[in-house]
Protein backbone atom coordinates (compact mmCIF):
# COMPACT_ATOMS: atom_id res chain seq x y z
CA MET A 1 -15.99 15.12 -6.27
CA ILE A 2 -15.32 13.46 -2.94
CA LYS A 3 -17.79 10.70 -1.89
CA TYR A 4 -17.98 10.66 1.92
CA LYS A 5 -19.26 7.34 3.31
CA THR A 6 -21.85 6.69 5.95
CA ARG A 7 -20.98 4.46 8.94
CA GLU A 8 -22.63 1.39 7.59
CA GLU A 9 -20.76 1.88 4.15
CA ILE A 10 -17.50 2.08 6.11
CA GLU A 11 -18.20 -1.13 7.82
CA LEU A 12 -18.72 -2.93 4.36
CA MET A 13 -15.42 -1.27 3.21
CA ARG A 14 -13.73 -2.66 6.40
CA GLU A 15 -14.69 -6.23 5.41
CA SER A 16 -13.16 -5.70 1.82
CA ALA A 17 -10.00 -4.11 3.36
CA GLN A 18 -9.80 -7.15 5.92
CA LEU A 19 -9.94 -9.62 3.17
CA VAL A 20 -7.05 -7.91 1.47
CA SER A 21 -5.17 -8.21 4.97
CA LYS A 22 -5.91 -11.83 5.20
CA THR A 23 -4.68 -12.31 1.60
CA LEU A 24 -1.33 -10.72 2.57
CA GLY A 25 -1.18 -12.60 5.63
CA LEU A 26 -1.75 -15.94 3.67
CA LEU A 27 1.21 -14.91 1.25
CA ALA A 28 3.64 -13.90 4.01
CA PRO A 29 5.14 -17.20 4.93
CA TYR A 30 5.60 -18.12 1.18
CA ILE A 31 7.65 -14.99 0.32
CA VAL A 32 10.96 -16.53 0.74
CA PRO A 33 14.07 -17.22 -1.49
CA GLY A 34 12.83 -19.52 -4.32
CA ALA A 35 9.31 -18.28 -4.36
CA ILE A 36 7.81 -17.65 -7.69
CA PRO A 37 5.65 -14.44 -7.89
CA LEU A 38 3.27 -15.79 -10.50
CA GLU A 39 2.45 -18.80 -8.16
CA LEU A 40 1.90 -16.47 -5.37
CA ASP A 41 -0.62 -14.46 -7.42
CA LYS A 42 -2.61 -17.50 -8.41
CA MET A 43 -2.70 -18.53 -4.68
CA ALA A 44 -4.05 -15.07 -3.73
CA GLU A 45 -6.75 -15.16 -6.51
CA THR A 46 -8.02 -18.54 -5.31
CA PHE A 47 -8.12 -17.22 -1.52
CA ILE A 48 -9.96 -14.07 -2.58
CA ARG A 49 -12.54 -15.89 -4.40
CA ASP A 50 -13.00 -18.62 -1.91
CA HIS A 51 -13.81 -16.00 0.64
CA GLY A 52 -16.42 -14.11 -1.45
CA GLY A 53 -14.56 -11.49 -3.08
CA GLU A 54 -13.15 -10.64 -6.49
CA PRO A 55 -9.52 -9.69 -7.36
CA GLY A 56 -9.82 -5.92 -7.60
CA PHE A 57 -6.78 -5.33 -9.86
CA LEU A 58 -7.54 -8.27 -12.34
CA GLY A 59 -8.45 -6.78 -15.70
CA MET A 60 -8.55 -3.24 -14.23
CA TYR A 61 -7.31 -0.83 -16.85
CA GLY A 62 -6.06 -4.07 -18.55
CA PHE A 63 -3.78 -5.06 -15.81
CA PRO A 64 -3.32 -8.92 -16.42
CA ASN A 65 -3.03 -10.20 -12.64
CA SER A 66 -4.48 -10.17 -9.33
CA LEU A 67 -1.63 -8.71 -7.65
CA CYS A 68 0.92 -5.97 -8.25
CA MET A 69 4.18 -7.60 -7.49
CA SER A 70 7.29 -5.31 -7.39
CA PRO A 71 10.76 -6.59 -6.48
CA ASN A 72 13.76 -4.40 -5.47
CA ALA A 73 14.01 -1.28 -7.71
CA GLN A 74 10.33 -1.80 -9.03
CA VAL A 75 8.52 0.79 -7.38
CA VAL A 76 4.79 -0.51 -7.94
CA HIS A 77 2.56 -1.91 -10.67
CA GLY A 78 5.13 -4.83 -11.29
CA ILE A 79 3.46 -7.80 -13.26
CA PRO A 80 4.05 -11.37 -11.41
CA GLY A 81 6.29 -13.34 -13.37
CA LYS A 82 8.20 -16.77 -13.13
CA LYS A 83 11.56 -15.48 -11.90
CA ALA A 84 12.38 -16.87 -8.45
CA MET A 85 12.82 -14.47 -5.54
CA GLN A 86 16.55 -14.43 -4.06
CA ASN A 87 17.78 -13.94 -0.76
CA GLY A 88 18.36 -10.31 -0.07
CA ASP A 89 15.57 -9.11 -2.36
CA ILE A 90 12.45 -7.22 -1.26
CA LEU A 91 8.97 -7.61 -2.71
CA SER A 92 6.12 -4.99 -2.46
CA VAL A 93 2.85 -6.89 -2.82
CA ASP A 94 -0.15 -4.64 -3.57
CA CYS A 95 -3.47 -6.34 -3.44
CA GLY A 96 -7.02 -5.23 -4.29
CA VAL A 97 -10.43 -6.70 -3.31
CA PHE A 98 -13.96 -6.02 -4.58
CA MET A 99 -16.58 -7.28 -2.20
CA ASN A 100 -20.05 -5.88 -0.81
CA GLY A 101 -19.95 -3.33 -3.64
CA PHE A 102 -16.77 -1.58 -2.25
CA TYR A 103 -13.05 -1.89 -2.83
CA GLY A 104 -10.31 -2.61 -0.37
CA ASP A 105 -6.49 -2.00 -1.39
CA HIS A 106 -3.54 -1.99 0.49
CA ALA A 107 0.13 -3.18 0.28
CA TYR A 108 3.23 -4.36 2.23
CA THR A 109 6.78 -4.66 1.14
CA PHE A 110 8.45 -7.92 2.45
CA PRO A 111 12.23 -8.78 3.07
CA VAL A 112 13.02 -11.92 1.22
CA GLY A 113 15.57 -14.00 3.50
CA GLU A 114 18.31 -11.82 4.85
CA VAL A 115 18.33 -8.24 3.47
CA ALA A 116 21.09 -5.55 3.63
CA LYS A 117 20.89 -3.19 6.59
CA GLU A 118 20.06 -0.09 4.33
CA THR A 119 17.37 -2.09 2.70
CA SER A 120 15.88 -3.14 6.12
CA GLU A 121 16.18 0.57 7.31
CA LEU A 122 14.29 1.60 4.16
CA LEU A 123 11.43 -0.79 4.92
CA GLU A 124 11.17 0.49 8.44
CA VAL A 125 11.28 4.28 7.55
CA THR A 126 8.73 3.77 4.93
CA LYS A 127 6.33 1.93 6.94
CA ALA A 128 6.68 4.50 9.85
CA SER A 129 6.09 7.14 7.39
CA LEU A 130 2.67 5.72 6.48
CA TYR A 131 1.65 5.83 10.23
CA ALA A 132 3.12 9.49 10.30
CA GLY A 133 0.84 10.42 7.35
CA ILE A 134 -2.16 8.45 8.88
CA LYS A 135 -2.00 10.57 12.07
CA GLU A 136 -2.95 13.73 10.23
CA VAL A 137 -6.13 12.31 8.96
CA VAL A 138 -8.09 14.32 11.56
CA GLU A 139 -11.33 16.27 10.65
CA GLY A 140 -10.33 19.79 10.24
CA ASN A 141 -6.87 19.11 8.67
CA ARG A 142 -6.08 19.13 5.00
CA ILE A 143 -4.88 16.52 2.53
CA GLY A 144 -1.68 18.37 2.20
CA ASP A 145 -0.77 17.56 5.97
CA ILE A 146 -0.69 13.92 5.10
CA GLY A 147 1.87 14.29 2.47
CA ALA A 148 3.83 16.82 4.29
CA ALA A 149 4.09 14.41 7.29
CA ILE A 150 5.27 11.56 5.03
CA GLN A 151 7.71 13.84 3.06
CA GLU A 152 9.15 15.47 6.22
CA TYR A 153 9.70 12.01 7.87
CA THR A 154 11.45 10.40 4.83
CA GLU A 155 13.25 13.26 3.42
CA SER A 156 14.83 14.06 6.66
CA ARG A 157 16.35 10.63 6.80
CA GLY A 158 17.77 11.03 3.08
CA TYR A 159 15.14 9.12 0.97
CA GLY A 160 13.39 9.95 -2.16
CA VAL A 161 9.61 10.49 -2.33
CA VAL A 162 7.95 9.50 -5.64
CA ARG A 163 5.93 12.34 -6.96
CA GLU A 164 4.12 11.03 -9.91
CA LEU A 165 2.26 8.22 -8.10
CA VAL A 166 -0.11 9.00 -5.24
CA GLY A 167 -2.80 7.63 -2.74
CA HIS A 168 -6.44 8.08 -3.47
CA GLY A 169 -10.01 8.05 -2.31
CA LEU A 170 -11.49 4.53 -2.20
CA GLY A 171 -15.17 3.37 -2.44
CA THR A 172 -17.32 1.88 -5.09
CA LYS A 173 -14.41 2.60 -7.45
CA MET A 174 -10.91 1.73 -6.85
CA HIS A 175 -9.72 5.31 -7.48
CA GLU A 176 -11.83 8.27 -6.28
CA ASP A 177 -11.23 11.73 -5.34
CA PRO A 178 -9.21 13.06 -3.58
CA GLN A 179 -5.65 12.38 -4.68
CA VAL A 180 -3.37 11.84 -1.85
CA PRO A 181 0.11 12.88 -2.60
CA ASN A 182 3.09 11.57 -0.28
CA TYR A 183 4.50 15.13 -0.37
CA GLY A 184 3.00 18.53 0.01
CA LYS A 185 2.61 21.61 2.44
CA HIS A 186 0.84 21.79 5.60
CA GLY A 187 -2.53 23.55 5.29
CA ARG A 188 -3.02 22.99 1.56
CA GLY A 189 -5.49 20.73 -0.29
CA LYS A 190 -9.15 19.57 0.33
CA LYS A 191 -10.37 19.77 4.12
CA ILE A 192 -10.61 16.47 5.75
CA GLN A 193 -14.25 15.52 6.82
CA GLU A 194 -16.11 12.88 8.63
CA GLY A 195 -16.79 10.01 6.27
CA LEU A 196 -13.69 10.36 4.08
CA VAL A 197 -11.92 7.08 3.13
CA ILE A 198 -8.70 7.26 1.37
CA ALA A 199 -5.79 4.72 0.66
CA ILE A 200 -2.46 6.14 1.96
CA GLU A 201 0.54 4.64 0.24
CA PRO A 202 3.96 6.10 0.48
CA MET A 203 6.43 4.97 -2.38
CA ILE A 204 9.73 5.78 -0.96
CA ASN A 205 13.09 5.44 -2.76
CA LEU A 206 16.59 4.39 -1.33
CA GLY A 207 18.04 7.11 -3.73
CA THR A 208 16.55 9.63 -6.10
CA HIS A 209 12.84 10.22 -6.20
CA ARG A 210 12.83 10.02 -9.98
CA ILE A 211 11.12 7.19 -11.78
CA LYS A 212 10.85 5.51 -15.21
CA GLN A 213 8.50 3.03 -16.77
CA LEU A 214 9.27 -0.38 -18.43
CA PRO A 215 8.05 -0.94 -21.97
CA ASP A 216 5.27 -3.34 -20.60
CA GLY A 217 3.54 -0.09 -19.93
CA TRP A 218 2.90 -0.94 -16.22
CA THR A 219 6.17 -1.53 -14.06
CA ILE A 220 7.50 1.67 -12.55
CA LEU A 221 11.13 1.54 -11.65
CA THR A 222 13.65 3.77 -9.74
CA ALA A 223 15.57 5.90 -12.36
CA ASP A 224 18.91 5.04 -10.44
CA GLY A 225 18.05 1.37 -10.04
CA LYS A 226 18.06 1.59 -6.17
CA ASN A 227 15.56 -0.11 -4.08
CA SER A 228 11.93 1.20 -3.39
CA ALA A 229 9.58 0.27 -0.73
CA HIS A 230 5.77 0.62 -0.60
CA PHE A 231 3.28 0.18 2.26
CA GLU A 232 -0.45 1.18 2.16
CA HIS A 233 -3.51 1.31 4.35
CA ASP A 234 -7.19 2.03 3.98
CA VAL A 235 -8.27 4.94 6.43
CA ALA A 236 -11.59 6.26 7.39
CA VAL A 237 -12.50 9.36 9.41
CA ILE A 238 -14.77 8.11 12.21
CA ASN A 239 -15.84 10.53 14.92
CA GLY A 240 -13.32 13.00 13.57
CA LYS A 241 -10.24 10.65 13.97
CA PRO A 242 -8.41 8.19 11.65
CA GLU A 243 -9.38 4.60 11.80
CA ILE A 244 -7.41 1.93 9.79
CA LEU A 245 -9.89 -0.49 8.06
CA SER A 246 -6.88 -2.71 7.01
CA THR A 247 -4.35 -4.33 9.04
CA PHE A 248 -0.77 -5.75 8.87
CA GLN A 249 -1.30 -7.91 11.88
CA TYR A 250 -2.13 -11.13 9.77
CA ILE A 251 1.27 -10.75 8.32
CA TYR A 252 2.92 -10.19 11.80
CA ASP A 253 1.03 -13.27 13.10
CA ALA A 254 1.96 -15.60 10.08
CA LEU A 255 5.64 -14.53 10.44
CA GLY A 256 5.77 -14.56 14.29
CA MET A 257 6.42 -10.92 14.54
CA ASP A 258 5.27 -8.58 17.51
CA ARG A 259 4.76 -5.47 15.72
CA ALA A 260 1.19 -4.57 17.05
CA GLU A 261 2.64 -1.05 18.07
CA TYR A 262 2.50 -0.11 14.33
CA GLU A 263 -1.32 -0.38 14.55
CA LYS A 264 -1.81 2.24 17.04
CA ILE A 265 -2.44 5.93 16.12
């Protein structure tokens, strides 16, 4: 059952989402060659707690860390380790916060140093597909319109869209109804209504859409070993239109990037 949020609840959720955004912004300048993911995870946990939140992922379903950190061919749910990042890597950082009784949850895939052209293009297309999906979060549309927009944008450029993992409703629980696939058909699925809050998170592969799981029970990999990118925003329906509760602007500011155009819907 979908739990629609009041305007007051959405504002509380915005605060949770913004703390995630600030955490990603804090980490951004440290995601460089030589960075140790486990050290970044500890930095994030301290920052979240110091700002009145709790790490949303830590202990959830038994997950051992505050961040999901997934380099290169890891799609999502990577466990932060002690292996240093190398020039040319990419790193998906997925962060969750629980604050004010509500969750915030979003993600960004960072290039580490200088990356290959095809990798840079994968990141740009995946990020752009997120906004293509967000544009469909309009009252009267359907959930399938979101996935269809993401799928059309990415597959037309030759990328693979992960099927087994999807976006989701967000609220007092990290994962609520409805599921929000990154593929689908226009006009299908639940109707989008005022007060809906969802996390949209394209997971797009450089090669095949197929995936596999490591024996750790968490880490998801591309089946062909090619890179995967993951971007995620929290989005609410306010006055019939999408409003992004999270932001990448803290990342852009930390890295000296002028990328505010991506925040416009």
